[in-house]
Each structure stands twice: as C-alpha cells, then as structure tokens.
Amino acid sequence: MTAGDGSTTTPREHGAWRAFLRVLAFARPHWRRIVFAVVLMAVYAGASSIRVGMVGLLFDGVIVPADPAAGPGKVLGFYRAYVEPFVPLPLEL
C-alpha cells in the first residue's frame, strides 16, 4: 500500500511505529539509566568472553601442554604423582 507521500508503509506498520514512539516518549526521562544499563550489559558480555578465553588457555597450557616433549601438563602431572597411587583401579588418561 502506498501513501500519498510516496512511502510504502502499511497502516499496521504505521501503528506499530506510532506505538514505539509512544513508548520511547515514556522512556525519555530515564535515558541516563537506560544508557548505563546498556553499558553494563556490554561490560558483562565482554567479561563473559574473557572467562571463555581463560578456560581455553587453561586447556591449552595446563591440562594439555603446548609442547608434548615437555611431559604431561600440570594437572595431569599432579594426578599421576599424587592421586593415581591411591586409586585402586587402573585408569588410563
């Protein structure tokens, strides 16, 4: 449907846009809090991605060593030295 001004919005889309603008008018007095909340969400997302990266570093450098000739990783070495002697069944890792 084409309006007289050349736009191609339907009356339903126009009503949705009008409703959005009404909600935006109610949010206008709280714009500082909204911006602060969005910034905190971005900080949380960044911190979460850092945590995932740290887990990757843990697997790459501690559990599975980067250089296989250097021997087992720290966790596997600790397991073989201090835990495995007390395990009654043979476990292969």
Protein backbone atom coordinates (compact mmCIF):
# COMPACT_ATOMS: atom_id res chain seq x y z
CA MET A 1 0.00 0.00 0.00
CA THR A 2 1.42 3.37 -0.96
CA ALA A 3 0.62 6.53 0.94
CA GLY A 4 0.21 9.90 -0.73
CA ASP A 5 3.75 10.94 0.21
CA GLY A 6 5.38 8.03 -1.67
CA SER A 7 6.15 5.84 1.38
CA THR A 8 5.31 2.15 1.26
CA THR A 9 4.22 1.53 4.86
CA THR A 10 1.01 -0.25 5.66
CA PRO A 11 -1.40 1.14 8.24
CA ARG A 12 -0.43 -1.72 10.54
CA GLU A 13 3.29 -0.82 10.32
CA HIS A 14 2.41 2.83 10.84
CA GLY A 15 0.52 1.91 14.03
CA ALA A 16 3.44 -0.16 15.31
CA TRP A 17 5.80 2.74 14.67
CA ARG A 18 3.46 5.12 16.48
CA ALA A 19 3.30 2.75 19.47
CA PHE A 20 7.08 2.54 19.55
CA LEU A 21 7.36 6.32 19.60
CA ARG A 22 4.86 6.48 22.48
CA VAL A 23 6.96 4.01 24.50
CA LEU A 24 10.07 5.96 23.63
CA ALA A 25 8.42 9.12 24.97
CA PHE A 26 7.81 7.40 28.31
CA ALA A 27 11.45 6.24 28.44
CA ARG A 28 12.90 9.67 27.64
CA PRO A 29 13.10 10.87 31.28
CA HIS A 30 15.09 7.73 32.15
CA TRP A 31 17.61 7.89 29.31
CA ARG A 32 20.65 8.04 31.61
CA ARG A 33 19.64 4.85 33.40
CA ILE A 34 18.93 3.12 30.10
CA VAL A 35 22.34 4.09 28.69
CA PHE A 36 24.00 2.97 31.95
CA ALA A 37 22.21 -0.39 31.76
CA VAL A 38 23.29 -0.91 28.15
CA VAL A 39 26.90 -0.10 29.05
CA LEU A 40 26.81 -2.56 31.95
CA MET A 41 25.38 -5.24 29.64
CA ALA A 42 28.29 -4.66 27.25
CA VAL A 43 30.78 -4.93 30.13
CA TYR A 44 29.17 -8.19 31.26
CA ALA A 45 29.33 -9.60 27.73
CA GLY A 46 33.00 -8.66 27.47
CA ALA A 47 33.78 -10.20 30.86
CA SER A 48 31.99 -13.40 29.85
CA SER A 49 34.04 -13.69 26.68
CA ILE A 50 37.23 -13.17 28.70
CA ARG A 51 36.18 -16.01 31.00
CA VAL A 52 35.70 -18.30 28.00
CA GLY A 53 39.15 -17.32 26.73
CA MET A 54 40.68 -18.11 30.11
CA VAL A 55 39.16 -21.60 30.06
CA GLY A 56 40.72 -22.10 26.63
CA LEU A 57 44.11 -21.04 28.00
CA LEU A 58 43.64 -23.47 30.88
CA PHE A 59 43.06 -26.36 28.48
CA ASP A 60 45.88 -25.34 26.14
CA GLY A 61 48.58 -24.64 28.70
CA VAL A 62 47.76 -26.55 31.86
CA ILE A 63 45.75 -29.67 31.12
CA VAL A 64 47.24 -30.42 27.70
CA PRO A 65 50.74 -28.94 27.41
CA ALA A 66 51.63 -26.92 24.34
CA ASP A 67 54.85 -28.90 23.87
CA PRO A 68 54.27 -32.68 24.08
CA ALA A 69 58.02 -33.28 24.58
CA ALA A 70 57.87 -31.27 27.82
CA GLY A 71 55.83 -34.01 29.50
CA PRO A 72 52.34 -34.03 30.96
CA GLY A 73 50.52 -30.84 31.83
CA LYS A 74 50.37 -29.56 35.40
CA VAL A 75 47.01 -31.12 36.18
CA LEU A 76 47.86 -34.48 34.63
CA GLY A 77 51.27 -34.47 36.32
CA PHE A 78 49.65 -33.75 39.69
CA TYR A 79 47.14 -36.54 39.10
CA ARG A 80 49.82 -39.08 38.21
CA ALA A 81 52.08 -38.10 41.12
CA TYR A 82 49.62 -37.65 43.98
CA VAL A 83 46.23 -39.18 43.09
CA GLU A 84 46.93 -42.21 40.91
CA PRO A 85 48.88 -44.13 43.58
CA PHE A 86 45.75 -44.16 45.77
CA VAL A 87 43.26 -45.17 43.04
CA PRO A 88 42.59 -48.93 43.32
CA LEU A 89 41.62 -49.45 39.66
CA PRO A 90 43.97 -48.67 36.79
CA LEU A 91 42.72 -45.62 34.88
CA GLU A 92 44.12 -44.57 31.55
CA LEU A 93 44.20 -40.88 30.72
